[in-house]
């Protein structure tokens, strides 16, 4: 895939307002045939304060993205599981800081527009060249190209363990559907869901994305009448440990061949996850799948597949807004 790459990149990230993205993002940029107007966009940016800028260096992130494009040239979606923990461990910040989508706008439009196109560009057709959707450059936290990776690292990690993040990224519907649910903010719920999802991914069931979507919808619907935090009480993460982790190594280059370590702000107790598993396995087994027609017989498929026994997957966790 031939995509234009920015020749010059700023040494630190900045904050690029949505209105600037809307003004300059066009089909040529979305297809990779044109670069965003770097000078005009730079004028619209808001700089971080000097202290924050020290942990907002662009070079380590850019190196990760270049390596991902080399490693996963034949399977672009597989880059998510490799990048998500490393983006999170490199761009160390609180949830409140990560919720400012101006950072992700800057990353997509100025630092790495080529990665957005490489990862999310649609296929070329007889009607024209494929494009990456505008929401991949500036969009919601579970849609924007880089925000979705950072939040996957945050929501599905288990304290300092990023293993569950890799499991979550094995199926795109976890990022597209599961990650947008409010119940994911409850750490035992997030971990129990990844245990169930990891189980049927390991079992190799057909149409795994349909199962992810059906199970996620069932958990979310049950959460409107059941209090998961009553069934599985969670303790607050250690904010001091999180802030110490942020200050200790933000912007450092992480290992490319070994998972980094997240903040040691406390893992979720296994008792809470175990308390949710019987209910979640029941929901998993009863969740109706989206109807599809069989390729050979033209019949509609709608029967839930019995839930496989979930393996002992280590799970994830978020931390409160700080």
C-alpha atoms as a PDB file:
ATOM      1  CA  UNK A   1       0.000   0.000   0.000  1.00  0.00           C
ATOM      2  CA  UNK A   2       1.492   3.299  -1.095  1.00  0.00           C
ATOM      3  CA  UNK A   3       0.783   6.062   1.441  1.00  0.00           C
ATOM      4  CA  UNK A   4       2.444   9.455   1.839  1.00  0.00           C
ATOM      5  CA  UNK A   5       4.468   9.822   5.064  1.00  0.00           C
ATOM      6  CA  UNK A   6       5.041  13.190   6.807  1.00  0.00           C
ATOM      7  CA  UNK A   7       8.637  14.303   6.333  1.00  0.00           C
ATOM      8  CA  UNK A   8       8.826  16.420   9.481  1.00  0.00           C
ATOM      9  CA  UNK A   9       7.166  15.681  12.791  1.00  0.00           C
ATOM     10  CA  UNK A  10       6.964  17.857  15.902  1.00  0.00           C
ATOM     11  CA  UNK A  11       9.089  16.633  18.835  1.00  0.00           C
ATOM     12  CA  UNK A  12       6.141  16.695  21.266  1.00  0.00           C
ATOM     13  CA  UNK A  13       2.411  16.166  20.974  1.00  0.00           C
ATOM     14  CA  UNK A  14      -0.016  19.075  21.131  1.00  0.00           C
ATOM     15  CA  UNK A  15      -3.776  19.565  21.211  1.00  0.00           C
ATOM     16  CA  UNK A  16      -5.554  19.940  17.870  1.00  0.00           C
ATOM     17  CA  UNK A  17      -9.207  21.069  18.040  1.00  0.00           C
ATOM     18  CA  UNK A  18     -11.938  19.120  16.234  1.00  0.00           C
ATOM     19  CA  UNK A  19     -12.833  22.138  14.133  1.00  0.00           C
ATOM     20  CA  UNK A  20      -9.375  22.120  12.527  1.00  0.00           C
ATOM     21  CA  UNK A  21      -9.736  18.469  11.561  1.00  0.00           C
ATOM     22  CA  UNK A  22     -13.152  19.127  10.059  1.00  0.00           C
ATOM     23  CA  UNK A  23     -11.788  22.066   8.069  1.00  0.00           C
ATOM     24  CA  UNK A  24      -8.843  20.290   6.470  1.00  0.00           C
ATOM     25  CA  UNK A  25      -9.698  16.570   6.355  1.00  0.00           C
ATOM     26  CA  UNK A  26     -10.657  15.533   2.860  1.00  0.00           C
ATOM     27  CA  UNK A  27     -10.831  12.459   0.683  1.00  0.00           C
ATOM     28  CA  UNK A  28      -7.278  12.915  -0.576  1.00  0.00           C
ATOM     29  CA  UNK A  29      -5.952  12.685   2.988  1.00  0.00           C
ATOM     30  CA  UNK A  30      -8.284   9.811   3.868  1.00  0.00           C
ATOM     31  CA  UNK A  31      -7.020   7.831   0.868  1.00  0.00           C
ATOM     32  CA  UNK A  32      -3.348   8.533   1.553  1.00  0.00           C
ATOM     33  CA  UNK A  33      -2.840  10.470  -1.675  1.00  0.00           C
ATOM     34  CA  UNK A  34      -2.344  13.763   0.152  1.00  0.00           C
ATOM     35  CA  UNK A  35      -0.792  14.808   3.453  1.00  0.00           C
ATOM     36  CA  UNK A  36      -2.684  17.056   5.870  1.00  0.00           C
ATOM     37  CA  UNK A  37      -1.539  20.705   5.675  1.00  0.00           C
ATOM     38  CA  UNK A  38       1.010  20.593   8.465  1.00  0.00           C
ATOM     39  CA  UNK A  39       1.679  24.335   8.750  1.00  0.00           C
ATOM     40  CA  UNK A  40      -1.982  25.306   8.876  1.00  0.00           C
ATOM     41  CA  UNK A  41      -2.764  22.587  11.413  1.00  0.00           C
ATOM     42  CA  UNK A  42       0.206  23.572  13.579  1.00  0.00           C
ATOM     43  CA  UNK A  43      -1.179  27.087  13.829  1.00  0.00           C
ATOM     44  CA  UNK A  44      -4.425  25.701  15.235  1.00  0.00           C
ATOM     45  CA  UNK A  45      -2.705  23.606  17.932  1.00  0.00           C
ATOM     46  CA  UNK A  46      -2.616  24.338  21.640  1.00  0.00           C
ATOM     47  CA  UNK A  47       0.690  23.445  23.310  1.00  0.00           C
ATOM     48  CA  UNK A  48       0.978  21.448  26.508  1.00  0.00           C
ATOM     49  CA  UNK A  49       2.610  23.153  29.448  1.00  0.00           C
ATOM     50  CA  UNK A  50       6.368  22.586  29.756  1.00  0.00           C
ATOM     51  CA  UNK A  51       6.086  19.952  32.493  1.00  0.00           C
ATOM     52  CA  UNK A  52       3.464  17.891  30.659  1.00  0.00           C
ATOM     53  CA  UNK A  53       5.348  18.156  27.371  1.00  0.00           C
ATOM     54  CA  UNK A  54       8.235  16.192  28.886  1.00  0.00           C
ATOM     55  CA  UNK A  55       6.081  13.067  28.789  1.00  0.00           C
ATOM     56  CA  UNK A  56       4.518  13.785  25.411  1.00  0.00           C
ATOM     57  CA  UNK A  57       7.425  13.060  23.070  1.00  0.00           C
ATOM     58  CA  UNK A  58       6.369  11.848  19.646  1.00  0.00           C
ATOM     59  CA  UNK A  59       9.467   9.840  18.687  1.00  0.00           C
ATOM     60  CA  UNK A  60       8.795   6.708  20.822  1.00  0.00           C
ATOM     61  CA  UNK A  61       5.214   6.502  19.558  1.00  0.00           C
ATOM     62  CA  UNK A  62       6.246   7.018  15.970  1.00  0.00           C
ATOM     63  CA  UNK A  63       8.821   4.221  16.280  1.00  0.00           C
ATOM     64  CA  UNK A  64       6.109   1.868  17.534  1.00  0.00           C
ATOM     65  CA  UNK A  65       3.835   2.697  14.618  1.00  0.00           C
ATOM     66  CA  UNK A  66       6.597   2.199  12.057  1.00  0.00           C
ATOM     67  CA  UNK A  67       7.452  -1.158  13.589  1.00  0.00           C
ATOM     68  CA  UNK A  68       3.796  -2.219  13.619  1.00  0.00           C
ATOM     69  CA  UNK A  69       3.425  -1.427   9.922  1.00  0.00           C
ATOM     70  CA  UNK A  70       6.503  -3.544   9.181  1.00  0.00           C
ATOM     71  CA  UNK A  71       5.508  -6.462  11.409  1.00  0.00           C
ATOM     72  CA  UNK A  72       1.883  -6.705  10.386  1.00  0.00           C
ATOM     73  CA  UNK A  73       1.985  -5.744   6.728  1.00  0.00           C
ATOM     74  CA  UNK A  74       0.088  -8.917   5.874  1.00  0.00           C
ATOM     75  CA  UNK A  75      -2.533  -8.668   8.639  1.00  0.00           C
ATOM     76  CA  UNK A  76      -3.297  -5.089   9.594  1.00  0.00           C
ATOM     77  CA  UNK A  77      -5.894  -5.886  12.271  1.00  0.00           C
ATOM     78  CA  UNK A  78      -3.335  -8.016  14.137  1.00  0.00           C
ATOM     79  CA  UNK A  79      -1.375  -4.837  14.837  1.00  0.00           C
ATOM     80  CA  UNK A  80      -3.983  -3.801  17.426  1.00  0.00           C
ATOM     81  CA  UNK A  81      -3.046  -6.458  19.969  1.00  0.00           C
ATOM     82  CA  UNK A  82       0.638  -5.617  19.665  1.00  0.00           C
ATOM     83  CA  UNK A  83       0.182  -1.851  19.745  1.00  0.00           C
ATOM     84  CA  UNK A  84      -2.515  -1.358  22.392  1.00  0.00           C
ATOM     85  CA  UNK A  85      -0.413  -2.259  25.466  1.00  0.00           C
ATOM     86  CA  UNK A  86       2.642  -0.487  24.067  1.00  0.00           C
ATOM     87  CA  UNK A  87       0.783   2.714  23.196  1.00  0.00           C
ATOM     88  CA  UNK A  88      -0.695   2.721  26.704  1.00  0.00           C
ATOM     89  CA  UNK A  89       2.678   2.141  28.359  1.00  0.00           C
ATOM     90  CA  UNK A  90       4.359   4.793  26.219  1.00  0.00           C
ATOM     91  CA  UNK A  91       1.725   7.523  26.441  1.00  0.00           C
ATOM     92  CA  UNK A  92       1.374   7.399  30.206  1.00  0.00           C
ATOM     93  CA  UNK A  93      -1.472   9.556  31.447  1.00  0.00           C
ATOM     94  CA  UNK A  94      -4.642   9.605  33.490  1.00  0.00           C
ATOM     95  CA  UNK A  95      -8.047   8.851  32.066  1.00  0.00           C
ATOM     96  CA  UNK A  96      -8.967  12.505  32.297  1.00  0.00           C
ATOM     97  CA  UNK A  97      -5.997  13.408  30.101  1.00  0.00           C
ATOM     98  CA  UNK A  98      -6.767  10.625  27.632  1.00  0.00           C
ATOM     99  CA  UNK A  99     -10.382  11.817  27.360  1.00  0.00           C
ATOM    100  CA  UNK A 100      -9.172  14.994  25.621  1.00  0.00           C
ATOM    101  CA  UNK A 101      -9.633  13.971  21.984  1.00  0.00           C
ATOM    102  CA  UNK A 102      -7.489  16.909  20.808  1.00  0.00           C
ATOM    103  CA  UNK A 103      -4.401  14.801  21.589  1.00  0.00           C
ATOM    104  CA  UNK A 104      -5.619  11.988  19.336  1.00  0.00           C
ATOM    105  CA  UNK A 105      -6.509  14.508  16.609  1.00  0.00           C
ATOM    106  CA  UNK A 106      -2.917  15.738  16.672  1.00  0.00           C
ATOM    107  CA  UNK A 107      -1.564  12.228  16.513  1.00  0.00           C
ATOM    108  CA  UNK A 108      -3.770  11.314  13.552  1.00  0.00           C
ATOM    109  CA  UNK A 109      -3.433  14.489  11.495  1.00  0.00           C
ATOM    110  CA  UNK A 110       0.145  15.596  12.176  1.00  0.00           C
ATOM    111  CA  UNK A 111       2.229  12.785  13.688  1.00  0.00           C
ATOM    112  CA  UNK A 112       0.955   9.677  11.898  1.00  0.00           C
ATOM    113  CA  UNK A 113      -1.758  10.205   9.273  1.00  0.00           C
ATOM    114  CA  UNK A 114      -0.059   7.487   7.226  1.00  0.00           C
ATOM    115  CA  UNK A 115      -0.740   4.924   9.966  1.00  0.00           C
ATOM    116  CA  UNK A 116      -4.435   5.825  10.065  1.00  0.00           C
ATOM    117  CA  UNK A 117      -4.674   5.193   6.324  1.00  0.00           C
ATOM    118  CA  UNK A 118      -2.553   2.028   6.491  1.00  0.00           C
ATOM    119  CA  UNK A 119      -4.641   0.502   9.272  1.00  0.00           C
ATOM    120  CA  UNK A 120      -8.149   1.629   8.361  1.00  0.00           C
ATOM    121  CA  UNK A 121      -8.228   2.289   4.612  1.00  0.00           C
ATOM    122  CA  UNK A 122     -10.950   0.421   2.750  1.00  0.00           C
ATOM    123  CA  UNK A 123     -10.315  -1.610  -0.358  1.00  0.00           C
ATOM    124  CA  UNK A 124      -9.891   0.069  -3.719  1.00  0.00           C
ATOM    125  CA  UNK A 125     -12.777  -0.561  -6.106  1.00  0.00           C
ATOM    126  CA  UNK A 126     -13.627   0.179  -9.718  1.00  0.00           C
ATOM    127  CA  UNK A 127     -15.413   3.303  -8.468  1.00  0.00           C
ATOM    128  CA  UNK A 128     -12.316   4.696  -6.782  1.00  0.00           C
ATOM    129  CA  UNK A 129      -9.593   4.421  -4.176  1.00  0.00           C
ATOM    130  CA  UNK A 130     -10.562   3.244  -0.711  1.00  0.00           C
ATOM    131  CA  UNK A 131     -10.442   5.647   2.218  1.00  0.00           C
ATOM    132  CA  UNK A 132     -10.122   5.610   5.991  1.00  0.00           C
ATOM    133  CA  UNK A 133     -13.323   6.898   7.587  1.00  0.00           C
ATOM    134  CA  UNK A 134     -13.218  10.416   9.011  1.00  0.00           C
ATOM    135  CA  UNK A 135     -13.994   8.994  12.479  1.00  0.00           C
ATOM    136  CA  UNK A 136     -10.629   7.213  12.415  1.00  0.00           C
ATOM    137  CA  UNK A 137      -8.930  10.615  12.350  1.00  0.00           C
ATOM    138  CA  UNK A 138     -11.240  12.349  14.829  1.00  0.00           C
ATOM    139  CA  UNK A 139     -13.929  10.382  16.604  1.00  0.00           C
ATOM    140  CA  UNK A 140     -15.187   8.624  19.697  1.00  0.00           C
ATOM    141  CA  UNK A 141     -12.783   6.829  22.015  1.00  0.00           C
ATOM    142  CA  UNK A 142     -13.679   3.393  20.629  1.00  0.00           C
ATOM    143  CA  UNK A 143     -13.480   4.515  16.986  1.00  0.00           C
ATOM    144  CA  UNK A 144     -10.548   6.924  16.569  1.00  0.00           C
ATOM    145  CA  UNK A 145      -7.448   5.072  15.338  1.00  0.00           C
ATOM    146  CA  UNK A 146      -5.207   5.755  18.344  1.00  0.00           C
ATOM    147  CA  UNK A 147      -7.662   6.531  21.122  1.00  0.00           C
ATOM    148  CA  UNK A 148      -9.219   3.066  20.722  1.00  0.00           C
ATOM    149  CA  UNK A 149      -5.827   1.455  21.291  1.00  0.00           C
ATOM    150  CA  UNK A 150      -5.007   3.478  24.411  1.00  0.00           C
ATOM    151  CA  UNK A 151      -8.433   2.844  25.924  1.00  0.00           C
ATOM    152  CA  UNK A 152      -8.228  -0.859  25.137  1.00  0.00           C
ATOM    153  CA  UNK A 153      -4.976  -0.904  27.095  1.00  0.00           C
ATOM    154  CA  UNK A 154      -6.609   0.967  29.953  1.00  0.00           C
ATOM    155  CA  UNK A 155      -9.942  -0.822  30.198  1.00  0.00           C
ATOM    156  CA  UNK A 156      -8.731  -4.387  29.748  1.00  0.00           C
ATOM    157  CA  UNK A 157      -5.422  -4.421  31.630  1.00  0.00           C
ATOM    158  CA  UNK A 158      -5.244  -6.081  35.042  1.00  0.00           C
ATOM    159  CA  UNK A 159      -3.084  -3.665  36.939  1.00  0.00           C
ATOM    160  CA  UNK A 160       0.416  -4.092  35.586  1.00  0.00           C
ATOM    161  CA  UNK A 161      -0.579  -7.075  33.418  1.00  0.00           C
ATOM    162  CA  UNK A 162      -1.400  -6.297  29.786  1.00  0.00           C
ATOM    163  CA  UNK A 163      -2.075  -9.926  28.879  1.00  0.00           C
ATOM    164  CA  UNK A 164      -5.862  -9.478  28.874  1.00  0.00           C
ATOM    165  CA  UNK A 165      -5.482  -6.541  26.470  1.00  0.00           C
ATOM    166  CA  UNK A 166      -3.970  -8.880  23.901  1.00  0.00           C
ATOM    167  CA  UNK A 167      -6.930 -11.244  24.363  1.00  0.00           C
ATOM    168  CA  UNK A 168      -9.399  -8.381  23.937  1.00  0.00           C
ATOM    169  CA  UNK A 169      -7.766  -7.282  20.687  1.00  0.00           C
ATOM    170  CA  UNK A 170      -7.993 -10.728  19.114  1.00  0.00           C
ATOM    171  CA  UNK A 171     -11.477  -9.875  17.888  1.00  0.00           C
ATOM    172  CA  UNK A 172     -12.393  -6.490  16.444  1.00  0.00           C
ATOM    173  CA  UNK A 173     -15.912  -6.635  17.864  1.00  0.00           C
ATOM    174  CA  UNK A 174     -14.499  -6.394  21.387  1.00  0.00           C
ATOM    175  CA  UNK A 175     -13.094  -2.967  20.496  1.00  0.00           C
ATOM    176  CA  UNK A 176     -16.066  -1.958  18.357  1.00  0.00           C
ATOM    177  CA  UNK A 177     -18.842  -3.130  20.685  1.00  0.00           C
ATOM    178  CA  UNK A 178     -17.731  -4.354  24.102  1.00  0.00           C
ATOM    179  CA  UNK A 179     -15.435  -1.404  24.799  1.00  0.00           C
ATOM    180  CA  UNK A 180     -18.242   1.130  24.410  1.00  0.00           C
ATOM    181  CA  UNK A 181     -20.396  -0.391  27.190  1.00  0.00           C
ATOM    182  CA  UNK A 182     -20.741   1.469  30.485  1.00  0.00           C
ATOM    183  CA  UNK A 183     -20.465  -1.792  32.437  1.00  0.00           C
ATOM    184  CA  UNK A 184     -16.818  -2.087  31.324  1.00  0.00           C
ATOM    185  CA  UNK A 185     -15.951   0.606  33.881  1.00  0.00           C
ATOM    186  CA  UNK A 186     -16.603  -2.027  36.569  1.00  0.00           C
ATOM    187  CA  UNK A 187     -13.303  -3.867  36.660  1.00  0.00           C
ATOM    188  CA  UNK A 188     -14.543  -7.358  37.680  1.00  0.00           C
ATOM    189  CA  UNK A 189     -17.156  -7.164  34.913  1.00  0.00           C
ATOM    190  CA  UNK A 190     -14.526  -6.270  32.315  1.00  0.00           C
ATOM    191  CA  UNK A 191     -12.328  -9.123  33.467  1.00  0.00           C
ATOM    192  CA  UNK A 192     -15.117 -11.679  33.577  1.00  0.00           C
ATOM    193  CA  UNK A 193     -16.208 -10.698  30.075  1.00  0.00           C
ATOM    194  CA  UNK A 194     -12.689 -11.154  28.712  1.00  0.00           C
ATOM    195  CA  UNK A 195     -12.467 -14.540  30.404  1.00  0.00           C
ATOM    196  CA  UNK A 196     -15.657 -15.674  28.660  1.00  0.00           C
ATOM    197  CA  UNK A 197     -14.707 -14.128  25.312  1.00  0.00           C
ATOM    198  CA  UNK A 198     -11.198 -15.550  25.502  1.00  0.00           C
ATOM    199  CA  UNK A 199     -12.724 -18.971  26.131  1.00  0.00           C
ATOM    200  CA  UNK A 200     -14.771 -19.140  23.001  1.00  0.00           C
ATOM    201  CA  UNK A 201     -12.036 -17.532  20.906  1.00  0.00           C
ATOM    202  CA  UNK A 202      -9.692 -20.285  22.067  1.00  0.00           C
ATOM    203  CA  UNK A 203     -12.376 -22.852  21.244  1.00  0.00           C
ATOM    204  CA  UNK A 204     -12.410 -21.649  17.643  1.00  0.00           C
ATOM    205  CA  UNK A 205     -16.179 -21.322  17.361  1.00  0.00           C
ATOM    206  CA  UNK A 206     -17.481 -20.043  14.018  1.00  0.00           C
ATOM    207  CA  UNK A 207     -18.601 -16.438  13.646  1.00  0.00           C
ATOM    208  CA  UNK A 208     -16.817 -15.263  16.807  1.00  0.00           C
ATOM    209  CA  UNK A 209     -17.736 -11.626  16.189  1.00  0.00           C
ATOM    210  CA  UNK A 210     -21.435 -12.473  16.325  1.00  0.00           C
ATOM    211  CA  UNK A 211     -20.869 -14.221  19.645  1.00  0.00           C
ATOM    212  CA  UNK A 212     -18.970 -11.241  21.031  1.00  0.00           C
ATOM    213  CA  UNK A 213     -21.764  -8.875  20.049  1.00  0.00           C
ATOM    214  CA  UNK A 214     -24.549 -11.103  21.373  1.00  0.00           C
ATOM    215  CA  UNK A 215     -22.776 -11.752  24.671  1.00  0.00           C
ATOM    216  CA  UNK A 216     -21.878  -8.073  25.152  1.00  0.00           C
ATOM    217  CA  UNK A 217     -25.476  -7.019  24.517  1.00  0.00           C
ATOM    218  CA  UNK A 218     -26.725  -9.584  27.008  1.00  0.00           C
ATOM    219  CA  UNK A 219     -24.304  -8.460  29.720  1.00  0.00           C
ATOM    220  CA  UNK A 220     -25.193  -4.825  29.151  1.00  0.00           C
ATOM    221  CA  UNK A 221     -28.937  -5.525  29.248  1.00  0.00           C
ATOM    222  CA  UNK A 222     -28.638  -7.568  32.436  1.00  0.00           C
ATOM    223  CA  UNK A 223     -26.568  -4.775  33.950  1.00  0.00           C
ATOM    224  CA  UNK A 224     -29.568  -2.449  33.696  1.00  0.00           C
ATOM    225  CA  UNK A 225     -31.444  -4.570  36.224  1.00  0.00           C
ATOM    226  CA  UNK A 226     -28.604  -6.243  38.137  1.00  0.00           C
ATOM    227  CA  UNK A 227     -25.958  -4.448  40.147  1.00  0.00           C
ATOM    228  CA  UNK A 228     -22.680  -6.087  39.144  1.00  0.00           C
ATOM    229  CA  UNK A 229     -20.840  -4.146  41.833  1.00  0.00           C
ATOM    230  CA  UNK A 230     -23.066  -5.829  44.420  1.00  0.00           C
ATOM    231  CA  UNK A 231     -22.335  -9.287  43.033  1.00  0.00           C
ATOM    232  CA  UNK A 232     -18.614  -8.529  42.706  1.00  0.00           C
ATOM    233  CA  UNK A 233     -17.386  -5.720  44.899  1.00  0.00           C
ATOM    234  CA  UNK A 234     -14.312  -3.934  43.613  1.00  0.00           C
ATOM    235  CA  UNK A 235     -11.727  -1.876  45.451  1.00  0.00           C
ATOM    236  CA  UNK A 236     -10.495   1.467  44.203  1.00  0.00           C
ATOM    237  CA  UNK A 237      -7.181   1.404  42.310  1.00  0.00           C
ATOM    238  CA  UNK A 238      -4.153   2.925  43.992  1.00  0.00           C
ATOM    239  CA  UNK A 239      -3.988   6.431  42.523  1.00  0.00           C
ATOM    240  CA  UNK A 240      -0.562   7.116  44.016  1.00  0.00           C
ATOM    241  CA  UNK A 241       0.895   4.087  42.241  1.00  0.00           C
ATOM    242  CA  UNK A 242      -0.653   5.212  38.970  1.00  0.00           C
ATOM    243  CA  UNK A 243       0.769   8.718  39.228  1.00  0.00           C
ATOM    244  CA  UNK A 244       4.185   7.350  40.209  1.00  0.00           C
ATOM    245  CA  UNK A 245       4.148   5.061  37.157  1.00  0.00           C
ATOM    246  CA  UNK A 246       3.215   7.986  34.927  1.00  0.00           C
ATOM    247  CA  UNK A 247       6.059  10.140  36.195  1.00  0.00           C
ATOM    248  CA  UNK A 248       8.612   7.333  36.238  1.00  0.00           C
ATOM    249  CA  UNK A 249       8.715   6.391  32.578  1.00  0.00           C
ATOM    250  CA  UNK A 250       6.397   8.375  30.342  1.00  0.00           C
ATOM    251  CA  UNK A 251       7.733   8.668  26.815  1.00  0.00           C
ATOM    252  CA  UNK A 252      10.325   5.901  27.191  1.00  0.00           C
ATOM    253  CA  UNK A 253      10.778   3.299  24.462  1.00  0.00           C
ATOM    254  CA  UNK A 254       9.139  -0.010  25.428  1.00  0.00           C
ATOM    255  CA  UNK A 255      10.292  -3.506  24.524  1.00  0.00           C
ATOM    256  CA  UNK A 256       9.048  -4.657  21.136  1.00  0.00           C
ATOM    257  CA  UNK A 257       9.205  -8.379  21.873  1.00  0.00           C
ATOM    258  CA  UNK A 258       7.983  -8.542  25.469  1.00  0.00           C
ATOM    259  CA  UNK A 259       4.832  -7.059  26.971  1.00  0.00           C
ATOM    260  CA  UNK A 260       5.506  -3.908  29.010  1.00  0.00           C
ATOM    261  CA  UNK A 261       4.388  -3.549  32.600  1.00  0.00           C
ATOM    262  CA  UNK A 262       1.508  -1.267  33.458  1.00  0.00           C
ATOM    263  CA  UNK A 263       1.018   0.625  36.710  1.00  0.00           C
ATOM    264  CA  UNK A 264       1.019  -1.514  39.849  1.00  0.00           C
ATOM    265  CA  UNK A 265      -2.168   0.136  41.050  1.00  0.00           C
ATOM    266  CA  UNK A 266      -3.805  -3.118  42.109  1.00  0.00           C
ATOM    267  CA  UNK A 267      -5.258  -6.121  40.343  1.00  0.00           C
ATOM    268  CA  UNK A 268      -8.849  -7.250  40.570  1.00  0.00           C
ATOM    269  CA  UNK A 269      -9.421  -9.934  43.165  1.00  0.00           C
ATOM    270  CA  UNK A 270     -10.233 -13.338  41.625  1.00  0.00           C
ATOM    271  CA  UNK A 271     -13.182 -13.788  43.991  1.00  0.00           C
ATOM    272  CA  UNK A 272     -15.060 -10.948  42.305  1.00  0.00           C
ATOM    273  CA  UNK A 273     -14.524 -12.400  38.844  1.00  0.00           C
ATOM    274  CA  UNK A 274     -15.457 -15.887  40.008  1.00  0.00           C
ATOM    275  CA  UNK A 275     -18.680 -14.525  41.501  1.00  0.00           C
ATOM    276  CA  UNK A 276     -19.744 -13.181  38.103  1.00  0.00           C
ATOM    277  CA  UNK A 277     -18.747 -16.174  36.001  1.00  0.00           C
ATOM    278  CA  UNK A 278     -21.862 -18.368  36.546  1.00  0.00           C
ATOM    279  CA  UNK A 279     -24.138 -15.505  35.492  1.00  0.00           C
ATOM    280  CA  UNK A 280     -21.959 -14.541  32.534  1.00  0.00           C
ATOM    281  CA  UNK A 281     -21.683 -18.120  31.301  1.00  0.00           C
ATOM    282  CA  UNK A 282     -25.474 -18.342  31.472  1.00  0.00           C
ATOM    283  CA  UNK A 283     -25.835 -15.103  29.527  1.00  0.00           C
ATOM    284  CA  UNK A 284     -23.281 -16.320  27.024  1.00  0.00           C
ATOM    285  CA  UNK A 285     -25.214 -19.540  26.420  1.00  0.00           C
ATOM    286  CA  UNK A 286     -28.602 -17.846  26.093  1.00  0.00           C
ATOM    287  CA  UNK A 287     -27.639 -14.747  24.075  1.00  0.00           C
ATOM    288  CA  UNK A 288     -29.406 -14.881  20.683  1.00  0.00           C
ATOM    289  CA  UNK A 289     -27.120 -14.599  17.679  1.00  0.00           C
ATOM    290  CA  UNK A 290     -27.853 -12.280  14.789  1.00  0.00           C
ATOM    291  CA  UNK A 291     -29.750 -14.140  12.096  1.00  0.00           C
ATOM    292  CA  UNK A 292     -27.808 -15.081   8.990  1.00  0.00           C
ATOM    293  CA  UNK A 293     -28.536 -17.334   6.067  1.00  0.00           C
ATOM    294  CA  UNK A 294     -26.430 -20.443   5.638  1.00  0.00           C
ATOM    295  CA  UNK A 295     -24.397 -20.311   2.454  1.00  0.00           C
ATOM    296  CA  UNK A 296     -25.416 -23.798   1.353  1.00  0.00           C
ATOM    297  CA  UNK A 297     -29.012 -24.297   2.467  1.00  0.00           C
ATOM    298  CA  UNK A 298     -30.414 -20.772   2.681  1.00  0.00           C
ATOM    299  CA  UNK A 299     -31.621 -21.394   6.229  1.00  0.00           C
ATOM    300  CA  UNK A 300     -31.417 -18.821   8.974  1.00  0.00           C
ATOM    301  CA  UNK A 301     -29.084 -19.481  11.864  1.00  0.00           C
ATOM    302  CA  UNK A 302     -30.187 -18.225  15.257  1.00  0.00           C
ATOM    303  CA  UNK A 303     -29.374 -20.905  17.802  1.00  0.00           C
ATOM    304  CA  UNK A 304     -26.885 -20.020  20.531  1.00  0.00           C
ATOM    305  CA  UNK A 305     -23.807 -22.210  20.609  1.00  0.00           C
ATOM    306  CA  UNK A 306     -23.227 -23.850  24.020  1.00  0.00           C
ATOM    307  CA  UNK A 307     -20.602 -21.931  25.945  1.00  0.00           C
ATOM    308  CA  UNK A 308     -17.191 -23.619  26.109  1.00  0.00           C
ATOM    309  CA  UNK A 309     -15.497 -23.871  29.448  1.00  0.00           C
ATOM    310  CA  UNK A 310     -13.485 -20.707  29.938  1.00  0.00           C
ATOM    311  CA  UNK A 311      -9.767 -21.180  30.560  1.00  0.00           C
ATOM    312  CA  UNK A 312      -8.004 -19.453  33.413  1.00  0.00           C
ATOM    313  CA  UNK A 313      -7.399 -16.187  31.591  1.00  0.00           C
ATOM    314  CA  UNK A 314      -5.833 -13.414  33.616  1.00  0.00           C
ATOM    315  CA  UNK A 315      -8.052 -10.369  33.371  1.00  0.00           C
ATOM    316  CA  UNK A 316      -7.967  -6.630  33.119  1.00  0.00           C
ATOM    317  CA  UNK A 317      -8.793  -3.432  34.887  1.00  0.00           C
ATOM    318  CA  UNK A 318      -9.219   0.302  34.556  1.00  0.00           C
ATOM    319  CA  UNK A 319      -8.538   3.084  36.999  1.00  0.00           C
ATOM    320  CA  UNK A 320     -10.716   5.998  38.025  1.00  0.00           C
ATOM    321  CA  UNK A 321     -10.479   9.369  36.390  1.00  0.00           C
ATOM    322  CA  UNK A 322      -7.704  11.322  38.101  1.00  0.00           C
END
